Amino acid sequence: MKKTKENNGDYVKNHLFVAQEKEYGDKYKSHLLEQYKLCVSMADRNSSRRVAANNFFLSLNTILIAIIGILSRLGPSYIIFYLWWIIIASSAGILFCWVWRVNIGSYRALSEAKFKVINAIEQELPVAAFETEWRYLNPENKDSKYPQLTKVERWIPLIFTALYFALMTVALILASSTFFGWDP
């Protein structure tokens, strides 16, 4: 059975608190607060790793595009060489972009899980800062102007992929015309 978002929320609430305050003892609230701080810190580190991963993939794609640009300047005596390397480099770029999108999706799922836990812990604390912030940014009537970062960042690999496909198409057309003696 596939879990719905409501079932996931119930799952967190039903499995997060393994001990009740009366059973745990006097340090329940202080330990709860320390665990909350740890969860928030881990969520922050997850966001930092996500940014680092995005920077890695952005740099990788920028370097790959630069290499393709350099290859395209080799000149007519190397035309078949550089056209096939453009196709190979573009294929690698498309693969990198696919991995990038999967990576973004994984970080998003991990962040959602971490904030489900954080929000559940907040229900036991005097202030629910993250839950309130999220409800403010995403009101129930869906009139929010807040673009979620994950939804925005998932477009970047798609833009690079489109660029790679365009470069591959041009290179294939030029390679075919050169090979068959056509004049494009």
N, C-alpha and C. Protein backbone atom coordinates (compact mmCIF):
# COMPACT_ATOMS: atom_id res chain seq x y z
N MET A 1 0.84 -1.19 0.00
CA MET A 1 0.00 0.00 0.00
C MET A 1 0.88 1.24 0.00
N LYS A 2 0.62 2.14 -0.93
CA LYS A 2 1.38 3.39 -1.00
C LYS A 2 0.84 4.36 0.04
N LYS A 3 1.77 4.97 0.78
CA LYS A 3 1.36 5.91 1.82
C LYS A 3 1.01 7.26 1.22
N THR A 4 -0.05 7.87 1.71
CA THR A 4 -0.40 9.22 1.29
C THR A 4 0.32 10.19 2.21
N LYS A 5 0.27 11.47 1.85
CA LYS A 5 0.92 12.48 2.70
C LYS A 5 0.32 12.46 4.11
N GLU A 6 -0.99 12.28 4.22
CA GLU A 6 -1.62 12.23 5.54
C GLU A 6 -1.10 11.02 6.31
N ASN A 7 -1.00 9.89 5.65
CA ASN A 7 -0.49 8.70 6.32
C ASN A 7 0.95 8.90 6.77
N ASN A 8 1.75 9.60 5.95
CA ASN A 8 3.13 9.88 6.34
C ASN A 8 3.17 10.74 7.59
N GLY A 9 2.29 11.76 7.65
CA GLY A 9 2.23 12.61 8.84
C GLY A 9 1.81 11.82 10.06
N ASP A 10 0.82 10.93 9.90
CA ASP A 10 0.40 10.08 11.00
C ASP A 10 1.52 9.15 11.41
N TYR A 11 2.24 8.63 10.43
CA TYR A 11 3.35 7.73 10.73
C TYR A 11 4.38 8.42 11.61
N VAL A 12 4.73 9.66 11.25
CA VAL A 12 5.72 10.40 12.04
C VAL A 12 5.22 10.59 13.46
N LYS A 13 3.98 11.03 13.60
CA LYS A 13 3.43 11.28 14.94
C LYS A 13 3.35 9.98 15.77
N ASN A 14 3.00 8.89 15.10
CA ASN A 14 2.84 7.63 15.83
C ASN A 14 4.16 6.95 16.18
N HIS A 15 5.24 7.26 15.48
CA HIS A 15 6.50 6.58 15.71
C HIS A 15 7.61 7.46 16.29
N LEU A 16 7.41 8.76 16.29
CA LEU A 16 8.48 9.66 16.73
C LEU A 16 8.66 9.62 18.24
N PHE A 17 7.58 9.75 18.96
CA PHE A 17 7.67 9.83 20.42
C PHE A 17 7.56 8.43 21.01
N VAL A 18 8.71 7.87 21.34
CA VAL A 18 8.75 6.50 21.84
C VAL A 18 8.56 6.42 23.35
N ALA A 19 8.67 7.57 24.00
CA ALA A 19 8.45 7.62 25.45
C ALA A 19 7.61 8.85 25.79
N GLN A 20 6.72 8.69 26.73
CA GLN A 20 5.90 9.80 27.20
C GLN A 20 6.64 10.53 28.32
N GLU A 21 6.28 11.78 28.52
CA GLU A 21 6.98 12.61 29.51
C GLU A 21 6.92 12.00 30.91
N LYS A 22 5.77 11.49 31.31
CA LYS A 22 5.63 10.91 32.65
C LYS A 22 6.54 9.70 32.83
N GLU A 23 6.65 8.88 31.80
CA GLU A 23 7.49 7.68 31.88
C GLU A 23 8.97 8.03 31.81
N TYR A 24 9.31 9.06 31.05
CA TYR A 24 10.71 9.41 30.78
C TYR A 24 11.37 10.04 32.00
N GLY A 25 10.68 10.95 32.62
CA GLY A 25 11.24 11.59 33.81
C GLY A 25 11.42 13.09 33.65
N ASP A 26 12.18 13.66 34.58
CA ASP A 26 12.34 15.11 34.69
C ASP A 26 13.05 15.75 33.50
N LYS A 27 13.90 15.04 32.84
CA LYS A 27 14.71 15.63 31.76
C LYS A 27 14.04 15.52 30.39
N TYR A 28 12.79 15.13 30.37
CA TYR A 28 12.08 14.94 29.10
C TYR A 28 12.12 16.20 28.24
N LYS A 29 11.71 17.33 28.78
CA LYS A 29 11.64 18.57 28.01
C LYS A 29 13.03 19.04 27.57
N SER A 30 14.01 18.96 28.44
CA SER A 30 15.35 19.41 28.05
C SER A 30 15.94 18.47 26.98
N HIS A 31 15.71 17.17 27.12
CA HIS A 31 16.19 16.24 26.10
C HIS A 31 15.44 16.42 24.78
N LEU A 32 14.15 16.69 24.87
CA LEU A 32 13.35 16.96 23.67
C LEU A 32 13.89 18.19 22.95
N LEU A 33 14.20 19.23 23.70
CA LEU A 33 14.74 20.44 23.11
C LEU A 33 16.11 20.18 22.46
N GLU A 34 16.95 19.40 23.10
CA GLU A 34 18.26 19.08 22.54
C GLU A 34 18.11 18.26 21.25
N GLN A 35 17.19 17.31 21.26
CA GLN A 35 16.96 16.53 20.04
C GLN A 35 16.38 17.41 18.93
N TYR A 36 15.54 18.34 19.30
CA TYR A 36 14.99 19.29 18.32
C TYR A 36 16.13 20.11 17.70
N LYS A 37 17.03 20.61 18.54
CA LYS A 37 18.17 21.37 18.04
C LYS A 37 19.02 20.53 17.09
N LEU A 38 19.21 19.26 17.44
CA LEU A 38 19.99 18.35 16.59
C LEU A 38 19.29 18.14 15.25
N CYS A 39 17.99 17.97 15.28
CA CYS A 39 17.23 17.78 14.03
C CYS A 39 17.31 19.03 13.14
N VAL A 40 17.19 20.20 13.73
CA VAL A 40 17.29 21.45 12.97
C VAL A 40 18.69 21.59 12.39
N SER A 41 19.69 21.24 13.17
CA SER A 41 21.07 21.31 12.70
C SER A 41 21.30 20.34 11.54
N MET A 42 20.75 19.13 11.65
CA MET A 42 20.90 18.15 10.57
C MET A 42 20.16 18.62 9.31
N ALA A 43 19.02 19.26 9.46
CA ALA A 43 18.30 19.79 8.31
C ALA A 43 19.11 20.89 7.64
N ASP A 44 19.76 21.72 8.45
CA ASP A 44 20.61 22.78 7.90
C ASP A 44 21.81 22.19 7.15
N ARG A 45 22.42 21.16 7.73
CA ARG A 45 23.55 20.50 7.05
C ARG A 45 23.09 19.84 5.75
N ASN A 46 21.91 19.28 5.76
CA ASN A 46 21.35 18.69 4.54
C ASN A 46 21.21 19.76 3.46
N SER A 47 20.74 20.94 3.84
CA SER A 47 20.60 22.04 2.88
C SER A 47 21.97 22.48 2.36
N SER A 48 22.96 22.51 3.24
CA SER A 48 24.31 22.89 2.82
C SER A 48 24.89 21.87 1.84
N ARG A 49 24.66 20.59 2.11
CA ARG A 49 25.15 19.55 1.19
C ARG A 49 24.43 19.65 -0.15
N ARG A 50 23.17 20.00 -0.11
CA ARG A 50 22.39 20.17 -1.34
C ARG A 50 22.95 21.31 -2.19
N VAL A 51 23.28 22.41 -1.55
CA VAL A 51 23.87 23.55 -2.26
C VAL A 51 25.22 23.16 -2.85
N ALA A 52 26.03 22.43 -2.07
CA ALA A 52 27.34 21.99 -2.56
C ALA A 52 27.18 21.06 -3.76
N ALA A 53 26.22 20.16 -3.70
CA ALA A 53 25.98 19.25 -4.82
C ALA A 53 25.52 20.03 -6.05
N ASN A 54 24.63 20.99 -5.85
CA ASN A 54 24.19 21.82 -6.98
C ASN A 54 25.35 22.61 -7.57
N ASN A 55 26.22 23.15 -6.73
CA ASN A 55 27.39 23.87 -7.22
C ASN A 55 28.32 22.95 -8.02
N PHE A 56 28.48 21.71 -7.53
CA PHE A 56 29.30 20.74 -8.25
C PHE A 56 28.74 20.49 -9.65
N PHE A 57 27.44 20.20 -9.74
CA PHE A 57 26.84 19.90 -11.04
C PHE A 57 26.81 21.13 -11.95
N LEU A 58 26.60 22.31 -11.37
CA LEU A 58 26.62 23.53 -12.16
C LEU A 58 28.03 23.76 -12.72
N SER A 59 29.05 23.58 -11.89
CA SER A 59 30.44 23.73 -12.35
C SER A 59 30.78 22.70 -13.42
N LEU A 60 30.38 21.46 -13.19
CA LEU A 60 30.64 20.39 -14.14
C LEU A 60 30.04 20.71 -15.51
N ASN A 61 28.79 21.16 -15.51
CA ASN A 61 28.13 21.49 -16.77
C ASN A 61 28.74 22.72 -17.42
N THR A 62 29.14 23.70 -16.62
CA THR A 62 29.78 24.90 -17.17
C THR A 62 31.11 24.53 -17.83
N ILE A 63 31.89 23.68 -17.18
CA ILE A 63 33.16 23.22 -17.75
C ILE A 63 32.92 22.44 -19.04
N LEU A 64 31.92 21.58 -19.02
CA LEU A 64 31.60 20.79 -20.21
C LEU A 64 31.19 21.67 -21.38
N ILE A 65 30.39 22.68 -21.12
CA ILE A 65 29.99 23.62 -22.18
C ILE A 65 31.22 24.38 -22.68
N ALA A 66 32.12 24.76 -21.77
CA ALA A 66 33.36 25.45 -22.19
C ALA A 66 34.21 24.54 -23.07
N ILE A 67 34.31 23.27 -22.70
CA ILE A 67 35.08 22.32 -23.52
C ILE A 67 34.46 22.18 -24.90
N ILE A 68 33.16 22.09 -24.94
CA ILE A 68 32.48 22.01 -26.24
C ILE A 68 32.77 23.26 -27.06
N GLY A 69 32.76 24.42 -26.41
CA GLY A 69 33.09 25.67 -27.11
C GLY A 69 34.50 25.68 -27.65
N ILE A 70 35.44 25.18 -26.85
CA ILE A 70 36.84 25.11 -27.30
C ILE A 70 36.96 24.14 -28.47
N LEU A 71 36.32 22.98 -28.36
CA LEU A 71 36.37 22.00 -29.45
C LEU A 71 35.79 22.56 -30.75
N SER A 72 34.79 23.39 -30.61
CA SER A 72 34.16 23.94 -31.82
C SER A 72 35.05 24.95 -32.54
N ARG A 73 36.14 25.38 -31.90
CA ARG A 73 37.04 26.37 -32.50
C ARG A 73 38.28 25.73 -33.12
N LEU A 74 38.33 24.39 -33.19
CA LEU A 74 39.53 23.72 -33.70
C LEU A 74 39.77 23.99 -35.18
N GLY A 75 38.74 24.20 -35.92
CA GLY A 75 38.93 24.53 -37.33
C GLY A 75 38.49 23.41 -38.26
N PRO A 76 38.44 23.73 -39.56
CA PRO A 76 37.89 22.80 -40.53
C PRO A 76 38.68 21.50 -40.70
N SER A 77 39.97 21.48 -40.42
CA SER A 77 40.74 20.25 -40.61
C SER A 77 40.38 19.20 -39.56
N TYR A 78 39.75 19.61 -38.48
CA TYR A 78 39.37 18.69 -37.41
C TYR A 78 37.85 18.55 -37.30
N ILE A 79 37.12 18.87 -38.35
CA ILE A 79 35.67 18.98 -38.24
C ILE A 79 34.99 17.70 -37.75
N ILE A 80 35.36 16.55 -38.30
CA ILE A 80 34.72 15.31 -37.85
C ILE A 80 35.10 15.02 -36.41
N PHE A 81 36.38 15.24 -36.05
CA PHE A 81 36.84 15.02 -34.69
C PHE A 81 36.01 15.84 -33.69
N TYR A 82 35.93 17.13 -33.90
CA TYR A 82 35.27 17.95 -32.90
C TYR A 82 33.76 17.76 -32.90
N LEU A 83 33.16 17.46 -34.04
CA LEU A 83 31.72 17.22 -34.06
C LEU A 83 31.36 15.98 -33.26
N TRP A 84 32.15 14.89 -33.40
CA TRP A 84 31.85 13.69 -32.63
C TRP A 84 32.14 13.89 -31.15
N TRP A 85 33.15 14.68 -30.82
CA TRP A 85 33.40 14.96 -29.41
C TRP A 85 32.31 15.86 -28.83
N ILE A 86 31.73 16.72 -29.62
CA ILE A 86 30.59 17.52 -29.16
C ILE A 86 29.42 16.59 -28.85
N ILE A 87 29.21 15.62 -29.71
CA ILE A 87 28.11 14.67 -29.48
C ILE A 87 28.38 13.84 -28.22
N ILE A 88 29.61 13.37 -28.06
CA ILE A 88 29.97 12.57 -26.88
C ILE A 88 29.88 13.43 -25.61
N ALA A 89 30.42 14.64 -25.65
CA ALA A 89 30.39 15.53 -24.49
C ALA A 89 28.95 15.92 -24.14
N SER A 90 28.13 16.15 -25.16
CA SER A 90 26.72 16.49 -24.91
C SER A 90 25.98 15.31 -24.30
N SER A 91 26.29 14.11 -24.76
CA SER A 91 25.67 12.91 -24.18
C SER A 91 26.05 12.78 -22.71
N ALA A 92 27.33 13.02 -22.41
CA ALA A 92 27.77 12.99 -21.00
C ALA A 92 27.05 14.07 -20.20
N GLY A 93 26.89 15.25 -20.78
CA GLY A 93 26.19 16.34 -20.10
C GLY A 93 24.75 15.98 -19.80
N ILE A 94 24.08 15.32 -20.73
CA ILE A 94 22.70 14.90 -20.51
C ILE A 94 22.64 13.90 -19.36
N LEU A 95 23.59 12.99 -19.32
CA LEU A 95 23.65 12.02 -18.23
C LEU A 95 23.90 12.73 -16.90
N PHE A 96 24.83 13.67 -16.87
CA PHE A 96 25.09 14.44 -15.64
C PHE A 96 23.83 15.17 -15.18
N CYS A 97 23.09 15.74 -16.13
CA CYS A 97 21.86 16.47 -15.78
C CYS A 97 20.81 15.53 -15.20
N TRP A 98 20.73 14.32 -15.74
CA TRP A 98 19.78 13.34 -15.20
C TRP A 98 20.15 13.01 -13.75
N VAL A 99 21.45 12.74 -13.52
CA VAL A 99 21.91 12.44 -12.17
C VAL A 99 21.64 13.64 -11.24
N TRP A 100 21.84 14.84 -11.75
CA TRP A 100 21.60 16.06 -10.98
C TRP A 100 20.14 16.14 -10.54
N ARG A 101 19.23 15.89 -11.48
CA ARG A 101 17.80 15.94 -11.14
C ARG A 101 17.42 14.88 -10.11
N VAL A 102 17.97 13.69 -10.25
CA VAL A 102 17.72 12.63 -9.26
C VAL A 102 18.25 13.08 -7.90
N ASN A 103 19.43 13.68 -7.89
CA ASN A 103 20.04 14.18 -6.66
C ASN A 103 19.14 15.23 -6.00
N ILE A 104 18.64 16.16 -6.79
CA ILE A 104 17.75 17.20 -6.26
C ILE A 104 16.51 16.56 -5.65
N GLY A 105 15.94 15.59 -6.35
CA GLY A 105 14.75 14.90 -5.82
C GLY A 105 15.04 14.17 -4.52
N SER A 106 16.21 13.56 -4.42
CA SER A 106 16.59 12.87 -3.19
C SER A 106 16.74 13.84 -2.02
N TYR A 107 17.42 14.95 -2.28
CA TYR A 107 17.56 15.95 -1.22
C TYR A 107 16.20 16.53 -0.83
N ARG A 108 15.32 16.70 -1.78
CA ARG A 108 13.99 17.22 -1.46
C ARG A 108 13.25 16.24 -0.55
N ALA A 109 13.27 14.96 -0.90
CA ALA A 109 12.59 13.95 -0.08
C ALA A 109 13.18 13.90 1.33
N LEU A 110 14.51 13.98 1.42
CA LEU A 110 15.16 13.96 2.73
C LEU A 110 14.78 15.19 3.54
N SER A 111 14.75 16.35 2.90
CA SER A 111 14.36 17.58 3.60
C SER A 111 12.91 17.50 4.08
N GLU A 112 12.03 16.99 3.23
CA GLU A 112 10.62 16.86 3.63
C GLU A 112 10.50 15.97 4.86
N ALA A 113 11.22 14.85 4.87
CA ALA A 113 11.17 13.95 6.02
C ALA A 113 11.71 14.63 7.27
N LYS A 114 12.82 15.33 7.12
CA LYS A 114 13.41 16.01 8.28
C LYS A 114 12.45 17.06 8.85
N PHE A 115 11.78 17.80 7.97
CA PHE A 115 10.87 18.82 8.47
C PHE A 115 9.56 18.25 8.99
N LYS A 116 9.17 17.08 8.54
CA LYS A 116 8.01 16.41 9.16
C LYS A 116 8.34 16.10 10.62
N VAL A 117 9.55 15.59 10.85
CA VAL A 117 9.99 15.28 12.21
C VAL A 117 10.11 16.56 13.03
N ILE A 118 10.75 17.58 12.48
CA ILE A 118 10.90 18.86 13.19
C ILE A 118 9.53 19.44 13.54
N ASN A 119 8.60 19.42 12.59
CA ASN A 119 7.27 19.96 12.85
C ASN A 119 6.53 19.16 13.92
N ALA A 120 6.72 17.85 13.93
CA ALA A 120 6.08 17.02 14.96
C ALA A 120 6.67 17.33 16.34
N ILE A 121 7.97 17.52 16.42
CA ILE A 121 8.60 17.87 17.70
C ILE A 121 8.11 19.23 18.16
N GLU A 122 7.95 20.17 17.21
CA GLU A 122 7.49 21.52 17.57
C GLU A 122 6.12 21.49 18.24
N GLN A 123 5.32 20.49 17.94
CA GLN A 123 3.99 20.40 18.56
C GLN A 123 4.10 20.16 20.07
N GLU A 124 5.25 19.70 20.52
CA GLU A 124 5.49 19.47 21.94
C GLU A 124 6.26 20.61 22.60
N LEU A 125 6.62 21.61 21.80
CA LEU A 125 7.37 22.76 22.31
C LEU A 125 6.44 23.98 22.35
N PRO A 126 6.85 25.04 23.04
CA PRO A 126 5.97 26.21 23.17
C PRO A 126 5.75 26.98 21.87
N VAL A 127 6.68 26.86 20.91
CA VAL A 127 6.59 27.62 19.66
C VAL A 127 6.77 26.66 18.48
N ALA A 128 5.96 26.84 17.44
CA ALA A 128 6.07 26.03 16.23
C ALA A 128 6.54 26.93 15.08
N ALA A 129 7.80 27.33 15.15
CA ALA A 129 8.35 28.31 14.21
C ALA A 129 8.36 27.81 12.76
N PHE A 130 8.88 26.61 12.54
CA PHE A 130 8.98 26.12 11.16
C PHE A 130 7.61 25.86 10.55
N GLU A 131 6.73 25.26 11.31
CA GLU A 131 5.38 24.99 10.82
C GLU A 131 4.66 26.30 10.48
N THR A 132 4.79 27.30 11.34
CA THR A 132 4.15 28.60 11.11
C THR A 132 4.75 29.28 9.88
N GLU A 133 6.06 29.22 9.76
CA GLU A 133 6.73 29.82 8.60
C GLU A 133 6.24 29.17 7.30
N TRP A 134 6.17 27.85 7.30
CA TRP A 134 5.74 27.14 6.10
C TRP A 134 4.28 27.47 5.75
N ARG A 135 3.41 27.52 6.75
CA ARG A 135 1.99 27.86 6.50
C ARG A 135 1.85 29.30 6.00
N TYR A 136 2.71 30.19 6.48
CA TYR A 136 2.70 31.57 6.01
C TYR A 136 3.11 31.64 4.53
N LEU A 137 4.17 30.90 4.17
CA LEU A 137 4.65 30.93 2.79
C LEU A 137 3.74 30.18 1.82
N ASN A 138 3.04 29.18 2.32
CA ASN A 138 2.16 28.36 1.49
C ASN A 138 0.77 28.27 2.10
N PRO A 139 0.00 29.34 1.99
CA PRO A 139 -1.34 29.31 2.58
C PRO A 139 -2.22 28.25 1.91
N GLU A 140 -3.21 27.81 2.64
CA GLU A 140 -4.10 26.74 2.14
C GLU A 140 -4.83 27.14 0.86
N ASN A 141 -5.06 28.43 0.65
CA ASN A 141 -5.79 28.86 -0.56
C ASN A 141 -4.89 28.92 -1.79
N LYS A 142 -3.62 28.55 -1.65
CA LYS A 142 -2.66 28.44 -2.76
C LYS A 142 -2.37 29.75 -3.49
N ASP A 143 -2.59 30.89 -2.84
CA ASP A 143 -2.28 32.18 -3.45
C ASP A 143 -0.86 32.63 -3.13
N SER A 144 -0.01 31.71 -2.76
CA SER A 144 1.36 32.03 -2.36
C SER A 144 2.18 32.51 -3.55
N LYS A 145 3.02 33.48 -3.31
CA LYS A 145 3.96 33.97 -4.32
C LYS A 145 5.35 33.36 -4.10
N TYR A 146 5.45 32.49 -3.11
CA TYR A 146 6.73 31.88 -2.76
C TYR A 146 7.05 30.71 -3.69
N PRO A 147 8.09 30.85 -4.52
CA PRO A 147 8.48 29.71 -5.37
C PRO A 147 9.39 28.78 -4.58
N GLN A 148 8.98 27.54 -4.40
CA GLN A 148 9.80 26.60 -3.66
C GLN A 148 11.12 26.39 -4.39
N LEU A 149 12.20 26.42 -3.64
CA LEU A 149 13.54 26.32 -4.21
C LEU A 149 13.71 25.05 -5.04
N THR A 150 13.21 23.94 -4.54
CA THR A 150 13.37 22.68 -5.28
C THR A 150 12.69 22.74 -6.64
N LYS A 151 11.53 23.37 -6.70
CA LYS A 151 10.82 23.46 -7.98
C LYS A 151 11.58 24.36 -8.95
N VAL A 152 12.24 25.38 -8.44
CA VAL A 152 13.02 26.28 -9.28
C VAL A 152 14.33 25.60 -9.72
N GLU A 153 15.02 24.99 -8.76
CA GLU A 153 16.33 24.42 -9.07
C GLU A 153 16.24 23.21 -10.00
N ARG A 154 15.11 22.55 -10.06
CA ARG A 154 14.96 21.40 -10.97
C ARG A 154 14.94 21.83 -12.43
N TRP A 155 14.71 23.13 -12.69
CA TRP A 155 14.72 23.63 -14.07
C TRP A 155 16.13 23.76 -14.64
N ILE A 156 17.11 24.01 -13.79
CA ILE A 156 18.47 24.26 -14.28
C ILE A 156 19.02 23.06 -15.06
N PRO A 157 18.93 21.82 -14.52
CA PRO A 157 19.40 20.69 -15.33
C PRO A 157 18.60 20.52 -16.63
N LEU A 158 17.33 20.88 -16.61
CA LEU A 158 16.52 20.78 -17.83
C LEU A 158 17.00 21.78 -18.89
N ILE A 159 17.38 22.96 -18.45
CA ILE A 159 17.90 23.97 -19.37
C ILE A 159 19.21 23.49 -19.99
N PHE A 160 20.10 22.97 -19.16
CA PHE A 160 21.35 22.41 -19.68
C PHE A 160 21.07 21.25 -20.64
N THR A 161 20.12 20.39 -20.29
CA THR A 161 19.78 19.26 -21.15
C THR A 161 19.30 19.75 -22.52
N ALA A 162 18.46 20.76 -22.52
CA ALA A 162 17.98 21.32 -23.80
C ALA A 162 19.15 21.87 -24.61
N LEU A 163 20.08 22.53 -23.94
CA LEU A 163 21.27 23.06 -24.62
C LEU A 163 22.10 21.93 -25.21
N TYR A 164 22.29 20.87 -24.44
CA TYR A 164 23.05 19.71 -24.95
C TYR A 164 22.35 19.07 -26.16
N PHE A 165 21.04 18.94 -26.08
CA PHE A 165 20.31 18.37 -27.22
C PHE A 165 20.45 19.26 -28.46
N ALA A 166 20.39 20.57 -28.26
CA ALA A 166 20.57 21.49 -29.39
C ALA A 166 21.98 21.36 -29.98
N LEU A 167 22.98 21.30 -29.13
CA LEU A 167 24.36 21.15 -29.61
C LEU A 167 24.54 19.82 -30.34
N MET A 168 23.95 18.76 -29.79
CA MET A 168 24.04 17.45 -30.45
C MET A 168 23.37 17.47 -31.82
N THR A 169 22.23 18.11 -31.89
CA THR A 169 21.49 18.17 -33.16
C THR A 169 22.31 18.91 -34.21
N VAL A 170 22.85 20.05 -33.85
CA VAL A 170 23.67 20.82 -34.78
C VAL A 170 24.89 20.02 -35.19
N ALA A 171 25.56 19.38 -34.21
CA ALA A 171 26.75 18.59 -34.52
C ALA A 171 26.41 17.41 -35.43
N LEU A 172 25.29 16.75 -35.19
CA LEU A 172 24.88 15.63 -36.05
C LEU A 172 24.59 16.10 -37.47
N ILE A 173 23.93 17.23 -37.58
CA ILE A 173 23.63 17.78 -38.91
C ILE A 173 24.92 18.14 -39.63
N LEU A 174 25.83 18.80 -38.93
CA LEU A 174 27.10 19.18 -39.55
C LEU A 174 27.96 17.96 -39.87
N ALA A 175 27.98 16.99 -38.97
CA ALA A 175 28.75 15.77 -39.22
C ALA A 175 28.19 15.01 -40.42
N SER A 176 26.88 14.92 -40.50
CA SER A 176 26.25 14.23 -41.63
C SER A 176 26.53 14.96 -42.92
N SER A 177 26.43 16.28 -42.90
CA SER A 177 26.67 17.05 -44.13
C SER A 177 28.13 16.93 -44.57
N THR A 178 29.06 16.91 -43.61
CA THR A 178 30.47 16.77 -43.94
C THR A 178 30.75 15.37 -44.48
N PHE A 179 30.20 14.37 -43.79
CA PHE A 179 30.43 12.98 -44.18
C PHE A 179 29.88 12.67 -45.57
N PHE A 180 28.68 13.19 -45.85
CA PHE A 180 28.03 12.91 -47.12
C PHE A 180 28.34 13.97 -48.20
N GLY A 181 29.12 14.97 -47.84
CA GLY A 181 29.50 15.98 -48.80
C GLY A 181 28.42 17.00 -49.08
N TRP A 182 27.45 17.14 -48.18
CA TRP A 182 26.40 18.14 -48.35
C TRP A 182 26.95 19.50 -47.97
N ASP A 183 26.30 20.54 -48.45
CA ASP A 183 26.70 21.89 -48.10
C ASP A 183 25.56 22.49 -47.27
N PRO A 184 25.70 22.51 -45.92
CA PRO A 184 24.59 23.01 -45.10
C PRO A 184 24.29 24.47 -45.27
